[in-house]
């Protein structure tokens, strides 16, 4: 297991990092959309959870939520295209 330690906030380096670099949810969302984490690959879930010190159950739950959210977004975009196409026909 890696050696984790805390650094006082006034000593935390911020020159080359954004605020979201240490936010597990943000990092998980980026990893999901770049296809580094997948709900069907337990190894990717366990690797991410070890790196960001998050329980694998919560990582998997959020990945499944992102899958549902992306399907919903895709369906909404498809319906909007269909509606636009039907308006052009009229």
PDB file of N, CA and C in Angstrom:
ATOM      1  N   UNK A   1       0.849  -1.180   0.000  1.00  0.00           N
ATOM      2  CA  UNK A   1       0.000   0.000   0.000  1.00  0.00           C
ATOM      3  C   UNK A   1       0.891   1.239   0.000  1.00  0.00           C
ATOM      4  N   UNK A   2       0.541   2.237  -0.809  1.00  0.00           N
ATOM      5  CA  UNK A   2       1.359   3.445  -0.861  1.00  0.00           C
ATOM      6  C   UNK A   2       1.368   4.189   0.474  1.00  0.00           C
ATOM      7  N   UNK A   3       2.388   4.957   0.673  1.00  0.00           N
ATOM      8  CA  UNK A   3       2.520   5.748   1.886  1.00  0.00           C
ATOM      9  C   UNK A   3       1.851   7.096   1.667  1.00  0.00           C
ATOM     10  N   UNK A   4       0.728   7.327   2.325  1.00  0.00           N
ATOM     11  CA  UNK A   4       0.000   8.586   2.201  1.00  0.00           C
ATOM     12  C   UNK A   4       0.326   9.467   3.395  1.00  0.00           C
ATOM     13  N   UNK A   5       0.421  10.740   3.151  1.00  0.00           N
ATOM     14  CA  UNK A   5       0.645  11.671   4.245  1.00  0.00           C
ATOM     15  C   UNK A   5      -0.054  12.982   3.923  1.00  0.00           C
ATOM     16  N   UNK A   6      -0.316  13.738   4.956  1.00  0.00           N
ATOM     17  CA  UNK A   6      -0.983  15.022   4.791  1.00  0.00           C
ATOM     18  C   UNK A   6       0.047  16.143   4.792  1.00  0.00           C
ATOM     19  N   UNK A   7      -0.247  17.142   3.997  1.00  0.00           N
ATOM     20  CA  UNK A   7       0.592  18.330   3.950  1.00  0.00           C
ATOM     21  C   UNK A   7      -0.287  19.494   4.384  1.00  0.00           C
ATOM     22  N   UNK A   8       0.205  20.361   5.239  1.00  0.00           N
ATOM     23  CA  UNK A   8      -0.597  21.536   5.614  1.00  0.00           C
ATOM     24  C   UNK A   8      -0.987  22.331   4.366  1.00  0.00           C
ATOM     25  N   UNK A   9      -2.160  22.930   4.399  1.00  0.00           N
ATOM     26  CA  UNK A   9      -2.682  23.595   3.200  1.00  0.00           C
ATOM     27  C   UNK A   9      -1.758  24.683   2.685  1.00  0.00           C
ATOM     28  N   UNK A  10      -1.048  25.373   3.568  1.00  0.00           N
ATOM     29  CA  UNK A  10      -0.174  26.457   3.121  1.00  0.00           C
ATOM     30  C   UNK A  10       1.117  25.935   2.483  1.00  0.00           C
ATOM     31  N   UNK A  11       1.375  24.630   2.605  1.00  0.00           N
ATOM     32  CA  UNK A  11       2.557  24.026   1.981  1.00  0.00           C
ATOM     33  C   UNK A  11       2.202  23.196   0.752  1.00  0.00           C
ATOM     34  N   UNK A  12       0.938  23.110   0.418  1.00  0.00           N
ATOM     35  CA  UNK A  12       0.504  22.318  -0.723  1.00  0.00           C
ATOM     36  C   UNK A  12       0.879  23.032  -2.017  1.00  0.00           C
ATOM     37  N   UNK A  13       1.625  22.367  -2.882  1.00  0.00           N
ATOM     38  CA  UNK A  13       2.002  23.014  -4.147  1.00  0.00           C
ATOM     39  C   UNK A  13       0.800  23.126  -5.083  1.00  0.00           C
ATOM     40  N   UNK A  14       0.616  24.280  -5.672  1.00  0.00           N
ATOM     41  CA  UNK A  14      -0.527  24.480  -6.578  1.00  0.00           C
ATOM     42  C   UNK A  14      -0.097  25.022  -7.932  1.00  0.00           C
ATOM     43  N   UNK A  15       1.202  25.139  -8.185  1.00  0.00           N
ATOM     44  CA  UNK A  15       1.664  25.729  -9.432  1.00  0.00           C
ATOM     45  C   UNK A  15       1.266  24.914 -10.657  1.00  0.00           C
ATOM     46  N   UNK A  16       1.403  23.614 -10.602  1.00  0.00           N
ATOM     47  CA  UNK A  16       1.184  22.778 -11.776  1.00  0.00           C
ATOM     48  C   UNK A  16      -0.078  21.925 -11.684  1.00  0.00           C
ATOM     49  N   UNK A  17      -0.942  22.234 -10.738  1.00  0.00           N
ATOM     50  CA  UNK A  17      -2.139  21.434 -10.540  1.00  0.00           C
ATOM     51  C   UNK A  17      -3.371  22.329 -10.489  1.00  0.00           C
ATOM     52  N   UNK A  18      -4.485  21.773 -10.918  1.00  0.00           N
ATOM     53  CA  UNK A  18      -5.748  22.476 -10.736  1.00  0.00           C
ATOM     54  C   UNK A  18      -6.373  21.984  -9.434  1.00  0.00           C
ATOM     55  N   UNK A  19      -7.385  22.667  -8.985  1.00  0.00           N
ATOM     56  CA  UNK A  19      -8.055  22.298  -7.739  1.00  0.00           C
ATOM     57  C   UNK A  19      -8.633  20.890  -7.830  1.00  0.00           C
ATOM     58  N   UNK A  20      -9.107  20.503  -9.004  1.00  0.00           N
ATOM     59  CA  UNK A  20      -9.774  19.221  -9.169  1.00  0.00           C
ATOM     60  C   UNK A  20      -8.828  18.031  -9.235  1.00  0.00           C
ATOM     61  N   UNK A  21      -7.530  18.259  -9.227  1.00  0.00           N
ATOM     62  CA  UNK A  21      -6.586  17.148  -9.312  1.00  0.00           C
ATOM     63  C   UNK A  21      -6.723  16.160  -8.167  1.00  0.00           C
ATOM     64  N   UNK A  22      -7.209  16.609  -7.027  1.00  0.00           N
ATOM     65  CA  UNK A  22      -7.317  15.728  -5.863  1.00  0.00           C
ATOM     66  C   UNK A  22      -8.760  15.342  -5.543  1.00  0.00           C
ATOM     67  N   UNK A  23      -9.681  15.624  -6.434  1.00  0.00           N
ATOM     68  CA  UNK A  23     -11.082  15.299  -6.209  1.00  0.00           C
ATOM     69  C   UNK A  23     -11.400  13.968  -6.889  1.00  0.00           C
ATOM     70  N   UNK A  24     -11.638  12.908  -6.118  1.00  0.00           N
ATOM     71  CA  UNK A  24     -11.870  11.587  -6.712  1.00  0.00           C
ATOM     72  C   UNK A  24     -13.040  11.549  -7.693  1.00  0.00           C
ATOM     73  N   UNK A  25     -14.128  12.239  -7.399  1.00  0.00           N
ATOM     74  CA  UNK A  25     -15.283  12.191  -8.298  1.00  0.00           C
ATOM     75  C   UNK A  25     -14.935  12.805  -9.655  1.00  0.00           C
ATOM     76  N   UNK A  26     -14.245  13.929  -9.649  1.00  0.00           N
ATOM     77  CA  UNK A  26     -13.833  14.576 -10.891  1.00  0.00           C
ATOM     78  C   UNK A  26     -12.887  13.663 -11.671  1.00  0.00           C
ATOM     79  N   UNK A  27     -11.921  13.080 -10.977  1.00  0.00           N
ATOM     80  CA  UNK A  27     -10.958  12.200 -11.633  1.00  0.00           C
ATOM     81  C   UNK A  27     -11.632  10.949 -12.192  1.00  0.00           C
ATOM     82  N   UNK A  28     -12.615  10.429 -11.468  1.00  0.00           N
ATOM     83  CA  UNK A  28     -13.332   9.246 -11.936  1.00  0.00           C
ATOM     84  C   UNK A  28     -14.140   9.568 -13.185  1.00  0.00           C
ATOM     85  N   UNK A  29     -14.753  10.732 -13.211  1.00  0.00           N
ATOM     86  CA  UNK A  29     -15.526  11.129 -14.388  1.00  0.00           C
ATOM     87  C   UNK A  29     -14.609  11.271 -15.605  1.00  0.00           C
ATOM     88  N   UNK A  30     -13.450  11.866 -15.424  1.00  0.00           N
ATOM     89  CA  UNK A  30     -12.498  11.992 -16.525  1.00  0.00           C
ATOM     90  C   UNK A  30     -11.985  10.624 -16.970  1.00  0.00           C
ATOM     91  N   UNK A  31     -11.699   9.749 -16.020  1.00  0.00           N
ATOM     92  CA  UNK A  31     -11.211   8.407 -16.351  1.00  0.00           C
ATOM     93  C   UNK A  31     -12.288   7.608 -17.076  1.00  0.00           C
ATOM     94  N   UNK A  32     -13.539   7.788 -16.688  1.00  0.00           N
ATOM     95  CA  UNK A  32     -14.635   7.078 -17.338  1.00  0.00           C
ATOM     96  C   UNK A  32     -14.780   7.523 -18.796  1.00  0.00           C
ATOM     97  N   UNK A  33     -14.775   8.822 -19.044  1.00  0.00           N
ATOM     98  CA  UNK A  33     -14.970   9.318 -20.403  1.00  0.00           C
ATOM     99  C   UNK A  33     -13.738   9.114 -21.284  1.00  0.00           C
ATOM    100  N   UNK A  34     -12.579   8.910 -20.686  1.00  0.00           N
ATOM    101  CA  UNK A  34     -11.395   8.578 -21.475  1.00  0.00           C
ATOM    102  C   UNK A  34     -11.211   7.055 -21.559  1.00  0.00           C
ATOM    103  N   UNK A  35     -12.195   6.323 -21.046  1.00  0.00           N
ATOM    104  CA  UNK A  35     -12.272   4.860 -21.099  1.00  0.00           C
ATOM    105  C   UNK A  35     -11.126   4.167 -20.362  1.00  0.00           C
ATOM    106  N   UNK A  36     -10.649   4.780 -19.282  1.00  0.00           N
ATOM    107  CA  UNK A  36      -9.638   4.140 -18.441  1.00  0.00           C
ATOM    108  C   UNK A  36     -10.285   3.316 -17.332  1.00  0.00           C
ATOM    109  N   UNK A  37     -11.535   3.653 -16.996  1.00  0.00           N
ATOM    110  CA  UNK A  37     -12.284   2.928 -15.971  1.00  0.00           C
ATOM    111  C   UNK A  37     -13.586   2.445 -16.602  1.00  0.00           C
ATOM    112  N   UNK A  38     -13.895   1.181 -16.366  1.00  0.00           N
ATOM    113  CA  UNK A  38     -15.098   0.589 -16.951  1.00  0.00           C
ATOM    114  C   UNK A  38     -15.751  -0.310 -15.904  1.00  0.00           C
ATOM    115  N   UNK A  39     -17.067  -0.313 -15.866  1.00  0.00           N
ATOM    116  CA  UNK A  39     -17.771  -1.112 -14.866  1.00  0.00           C
ATOM    117  C   UNK A  39     -17.602  -2.610 -15.098  1.00  0.00           C
ATOM    118  N   UNK A  40     -17.284  -3.013 -16.322  1.00  0.00           N
ATOM    119  CA  UNK A  40     -17.118  -4.435 -16.607  1.00  0.00           C
ATOM    120  C   UNK A  40     -15.687  -4.917 -16.369  1.00  0.00           C
ATOM    121  N   UNK A  41     -14.794  -4.006 -15.962  1.00  0.00           N
ATOM    122  CA  UNK A  41     -13.409  -4.372 -15.675  1.00  0.00           C
ATOM    123  C   UNK A  41     -13.095  -4.118 -14.197  1.00  0.00           C
ATOM    124  N   UNK A  42     -13.224  -5.140 -13.355  1.00  0.00           N
ATOM    125  CA  UNK A  42     -12.978  -4.960 -11.913  1.00  0.00           C
ATOM    126  C   UNK A  42     -11.567  -4.465 -11.592  1.00  0.00           C
ATOM    127  N   UNK A  43     -10.600  -4.816 -12.441  1.00  0.00           N
ATOM    128  CA  UNK A  43      -9.223  -4.381 -12.199  1.00  0.00           C
ATOM    129  C   UNK A  43      -9.107  -2.848 -12.290  1.00  0.00           C
ATOM    130  N   UNK A  44      -9.809  -2.242 -13.239  1.00  0.00           N
ATOM    131  CA  UNK A  44      -9.748  -0.782 -13.373  1.00  0.00           C
ATOM    132  C   UNK A  44     -10.411  -0.104 -12.173  1.00  0.00           C
ATOM    133  N   UNK A  45     -11.475  -0.708 -11.664  1.00  0.00           N
ATOM    134  CA  UNK A  45     -12.156  -0.167 -10.483  1.00  0.00           C
ATOM    135  C   UNK A  45     -11.232  -0.238  -9.269  1.00  0.00           C
ATOM    136  N   UNK A  46     -10.597  -1.392  -9.059  1.00  0.00           N
ATOM    137  CA  UNK A  46      -9.732  -1.547  -7.892  1.00  0.00           C
ATOM    138  C   UNK A  46      -8.480  -0.674  -7.994  1.00  0.00           C
ATOM    139  N   UNK A  47      -7.946  -0.509  -9.192  1.00  0.00           N
ATOM    140  CA  UNK A  47      -6.781   0.362  -9.380  1.00  0.00           C
ATOM    141  C   UNK A  47      -7.135   1.806  -9.047  1.00  0.00           C
ATOM    142  N   UNK A  48      -8.279   2.266  -9.552  1.00  0.00           N
ATOM    143  CA  UNK A  48      -8.702   3.636  -9.274  1.00  0.00           C
ATOM    144  C   UNK A  48      -8.966   3.824  -7.781  1.00  0.00           C
ATOM    145  N   UNK A  49      -9.652   2.883  -7.167  1.00  0.00           N
ATOM    146  CA  UNK A  49      -9.989   3.028  -5.747  1.00  0.00           C
ATOM    147  C   UNK A  49      -8.732   3.027  -4.873  1.00  0.00           C
ATOM    148  N   UNK A  50      -7.715   2.278  -5.257  1.00  0.00           N
ATOM    149  CA  UNK A  50      -6.464   2.286  -4.494  1.00  0.00           C
ATOM    150  C   UNK A  50      -5.722   3.603  -4.673  1.00  0.00           C
ATOM    151  N   UNK A  51      -5.746   4.128  -5.881  1.00  0.00           N
ATOM    152  CA  UNK A  51      -5.017   5.375  -6.157  1.00  0.00           C
ATOM    153  C   UNK A  51      -5.646   6.571  -5.440  1.00  0.00           C
ATOM    154  N   UNK A  52      -6.976   6.641  -5.408  1.00  0.00           N
ATOM    155  CA  UNK A  52      -7.665   7.797  -4.828  1.00  0.00           C
ATOM    156  C   UNK A  52      -8.268   7.518  -3.456  1.00  0.00           C
ATOM    157  N   UNK A  53      -7.919   6.386  -2.866  1.00  0.00           N
ATOM    158  CA  UNK A  53      -8.364   6.008  -1.529  1.00  0.00           C
ATOM    159  C   UNK A  53      -9.884   6.114  -1.407  1.00  0.00           C
ATOM    160  N   UNK A  54     -10.571   5.436  -2.290  1.00  0.00           N
ATOM    161  CA  UNK A  54     -12.036   5.405  -2.292  1.00  0.00           C
ATOM    162  C   UNK A  54     -12.468   3.941  -2.262  1.00  0.00           C
ATOM    163  N   UNK A  55     -13.577   3.669  -1.626  1.00  0.00           N
ATOM    164  CA  UNK A  55     -14.062   2.290  -1.559  1.00  0.00           C
ATOM    165  C   UNK A  55     -14.501   1.838  -2.956  1.00  0.00           C
ATOM    166  N   UNK A  56     -14.108   0.623  -3.349  1.00  0.00           N
ATOM    167  CA  UNK A  56     -14.474   0.121  -4.682  1.00  0.00           C
ATOM    168  C   UNK A  56     -15.975   0.123  -4.934  1.00  0.00           C
ATOM    169  N   UNK A  57     -16.777  -0.107  -3.901  1.00  0.00           N
ATOM    170  CA  UNK A  57     -18.230  -0.106  -4.066  1.00  0.00           C
ATOM    171  C   UNK A  57     -18.716   1.260  -4.544  1.00  0.00           C
ATOM    172  N   UNK A  58     -18.168   2.326  -3.956  1.00  0.00           N
ATOM    173  CA  UNK A  58     -18.587   3.674  -4.335  1.00  0.00           C
ATOM    174  C   UNK A  58     -18.080   4.049  -5.720  1.00  0.00           C
ATOM    175  N   UNK A  59     -16.896   3.570  -6.062  1.00  0.00           N
ATOM    176  CA  UNK A  59     -16.363   3.820  -7.403  1.00  0.00           C
ATOM    177  C   UNK A  59     -17.254   3.135  -8.428  1.00  0.00           C
ATOM    178  N   UNK A  60     -17.593   1.884  -8.186  1.00  0.00           N
ATOM    179  CA  UNK A  60     -18.454   1.142  -9.108  1.00  0.00           C
ATOM    180  C   UNK A  60     -19.833   1.788  -9.201  1.00  0.00           C
ATOM    181  N   UNK A  61     -20.401   2.207  -8.084  1.00  0.00           N
ATOM    182  CA  UNK A  61     -21.710   2.863  -8.096  1.00  0.00           C
ATOM    183  C   UNK A  61     -21.688   4.123  -8.957  1.00  0.00           C
ATOM    184  N   UNK A  62     -20.638   4.929  -8.834  1.00  0.00           N
ATOM    185  CA  UNK A  62     -20.573   6.169  -9.600  1.00  0.00           C
ATOM    186  C   UNK A  62     -20.344   5.888 -11.083  1.00  0.00           C
ATOM    187  N   UNK A  63     -19.559   4.866 -11.394  1.00  0.00           N
ATOM    188  CA  UNK A  63     -19.351   4.489 -12.795  1.00  0.00           C
ATOM    189  C   UNK A  63     -20.683   4.038 -13.407  1.00  0.00           C
ATOM    190  N   UNK A  64     -21.450   3.246 -12.673  1.00  0.00           N
ATOM    191  CA  UNK A  64     -22.758   2.819 -13.180  1.00  0.00           C
ATOM    192  C   UNK A  64     -23.691   4.012 -13.358  1.00  0.00           C
ATOM    193  N   UNK A  65     -23.605   4.985 -12.467  1.00  0.00           N
ATOM    194  CA  UNK A  65     -24.391   6.209 -12.609  1.00  0.00           C
ATOM    195  C   UNK A  65     -23.981   6.962 -13.878  1.00  0.00           C
ATOM    196  N   UNK A  66     -22.687   7.036 -14.142  1.00  0.00           N
ATOM    197  CA  UNK A  66     -22.208   7.712 -15.347  1.00  0.00           C
ATOM    198  C   UNK A  66     -22.655   6.995 -16.613  1.00  0.00           C
ATOM    199  N   UNK A  67     -22.715   5.671 -16.561  1.00  0.00           N
ATOM    200  CA  UNK A  67     -23.195   4.901 -17.713  1.00  0.00           C
ATOM    201  C   UNK A  67     -24.653   5.260 -18.003  1.00  0.00           C
ATOM    202  N   UNK A  68     -25.475   5.268 -16.967  1.00  0.00           N
ATOM    203  CA  UNK A  68     -26.890   5.616 -17.144  1.00  0.00           C
ATOM    204  C   UNK A  68     -27.040   7.047 -17.645  1.00  0.00           C
ATOM    205  N   UNK A  69     -26.253   7.949 -17.073  1.00  0.00           N
ATOM    206  CA  UNK A  69     -26.318   9.354 -17.462  1.00  0.00           C
ATOM    207  C   UNK A  69     -25.920   9.546 -18.928  1.00  0.00           C
ATOM    208  N   UNK A  70     -24.898   8.841 -19.377  1.00  0.00           N
ATOM    209  CA  UNK A  70     -24.462   8.981 -20.769  1.00  0.00           C
ATOM    210  C   UNK A  70     -25.485   8.382 -21.729  1.00  0.00           C
ATOM    211  N   UNK A  71     -26.124   7.287 -21.329  1.00  0.00           N
ATOM    212  CA  UNK A  71     -27.190   6.716 -22.170  1.00  0.00           C
ATOM    213  C   UNK A  71     -28.365   7.680 -22.290  1.00  0.00           C
ATOM    214  N   UNK A  72     -28.722   8.308 -21.180  1.00  0.00           N
ATOM    215  CA  UNK A  72     -29.815   9.279 -21.186  1.00  0.00           C
ATOM    216  C   UNK A  72     -29.472  10.455 -22.086  1.00  0.00           C
ATOM    217  N   UNK A  73     -28.252  10.960 -21.971  1.00  0.00           N
ATOM    218  CA  UNK A  73     -27.818  12.084 -22.793  1.00  0.00           C
ATOM    219  C   UNK A  73     -27.833  11.707 -24.272  1.00  0.00           C
ATOM    220  N   UNK A  74     -27.370  10.519 -24.597  1.00  0.00           N
ATOM    221  CA  UNK A  74     -27.349  10.057 -25.980  1.00  0.00           C
ATOM    222  C   UNK A  74     -28.772   9.947 -26.527  1.00  0.00           C
ATOM    223  N   UNK A  75     -29.689   9.426 -25.714  1.00  0.00           N
ATOM    224  CA  UNK A  75     -31.082   9.285 -26.134  1.00  0.00           C
ATOM    225  C   UNK A  75     -31.726  10.656 -26.358  1.00  0.00           C
ATOM    226  N   UNK A  76     -31.422  11.621 -25.483  1.00  0.00           N
ATOM    227  CA  UNK A  76     -31.973  12.968 -25.648  1.00  0.00           C
ATOM    228  C   UNK A  76     -31.460  13.619 -26.930  1.00  0.00           C
ATOM    229  N   UNK A  77     -30.186  13.439 -27.231  1.00  0.00           N
ATOM    230  CA  UNK A  77     -29.626  13.995 -28.463  1.00  0.00           C
ATOM    231  C   UNK A  77     -30.249  13.353 -29.693  1.00  0.00           C
ATOM    232  N   UNK A  78     -30.458  12.049 -29.644  1.00  0.00           N
ATOM    233  CA  UNK A  78     -31.076  11.344 -30.769  1.00  0.00           C
ATOM    234  C   UNK A  78     -32.514  11.815 -30.986  1.00  0.00           C
ATOM    235  N   UNK A  79     -33.263  11.968 -29.892  1.00  0.00           N
ATOM    236  CA  UNK A  79     -34.638  12.463 -30.008  1.00  0.00           C
ATOM    237  C   UNK A  79     -34.674  13.882 -30.564  1.00  0.00           C
ATOM    238  N   UNK A  80     -33.736  14.714 -30.169  1.00  0.00           N
ATOM    239  CA  UNK A  80     -33.680  16.080 -30.690  1.00  0.00           C
ATOM    240  C   UNK A  80     -33.390  16.071 -32.182  1.00  0.00           C
ATOM    241  N   UNK A  81     -32.503  15.202 -32.626  1.00  0.00           N
ATOM    242  CA  UNK A  81     -32.219  15.087 -34.074  1.00  0.00           C
ATOM    243  C   UNK A  81     -33.455  14.612 -34.830  1.00  0.00           C
ATOM    244  N   UNK A  82     -34.158  13.629 -34.266  1.00  0.00           N
ATOM    245  CA  UNK A  82     -35.369  13.126 -34.927  1.00  0.00           C
ATOM    246  C   UNK A  82     -36.430  14.218 -35.021  1.00  0.00           C
ATOM    247  N   UNK A  83     -36.611  14.979 -33.944  1.00  0.00           N
ATOM    248  CA  UNK A  83     -37.586  16.069 -33.958  1.00  0.00           C
ATOM    249  C   UNK A  83     -37.212  17.130 -34.983  1.00  0.00           C
ATOM    250  N   UNK A  84     -35.949  17.455 -35.061  1.00  0.00           N
ATOM    251  CA  UNK A  84     -35.482  18.453 -36.027  1.00  0.00           C
ATOM    252  C   UNK A  84     -35.701  17.958 -37.450  1.00  0.00           C
ATOM    253  N   UNK A  85     -35.438  16.688 -37.683  1.00  0.00           N
ATOM    254  CA  UNK A  85     -35.634  16.114 -39.021  1.00  0.00           C
ATOM    255  C   UNK A  85     -37.114  16.105 -39.380  1.00  0.00           C
ATOM    256  N   UNK A  86     -37.986  15.800 -38.426  1.00  0.00           N
ATOM    257  CA  UNK A  86     -39.417  15.773 -38.728  1.00  0.00           C
ATOM    258  C   UNK A  86     -39.949  17.196 -38.962  1.00  0.00           C
ATOM    259  N   UNK A  87     -39.375  18.201 -38.306  1.00  0.00           N
ATOM    260  CA  UNK A  87     -39.788  19.587 -38.543  1.00  0.00           C
ATOM    261  C   UNK A  87     -39.389  20.049 -39.929  1.00  0.00           C
ATOM    262  N   UNK A  88     -38.232  19.591 -40.426  1.00  0.00           N
ATOM    263  CA  UNK A  88     -37.782  19.973 -41.759  1.00  0.00           C
ATOM    264  C   UNK A  88     -38.655  19.370 -42.845  1.00  0.00           C
ATOM    265  N   UNK A  89     -39.237  18.195 -42.580  1.00  0.00           N
ATOM    266  CA  UNK A  89     -40.091  17.531 -43.571  1.00  0.00           C
ATOM    267  C   UNK A  89     -41.404  18.265 -43.763  1.00  0.00           C
ATOM    268  N   UNK A  90     -41.869  18.939 -42.735  1.00  0.00           N
ATOM    269  CA  UNK A  90     -43.170  19.609 -42.798  1.00  0.00           C
ATOM    270  C   UNK A  90     -43.110  20.870 -43.562  1.00  0.00           C
TER     271      UNK A  90
END
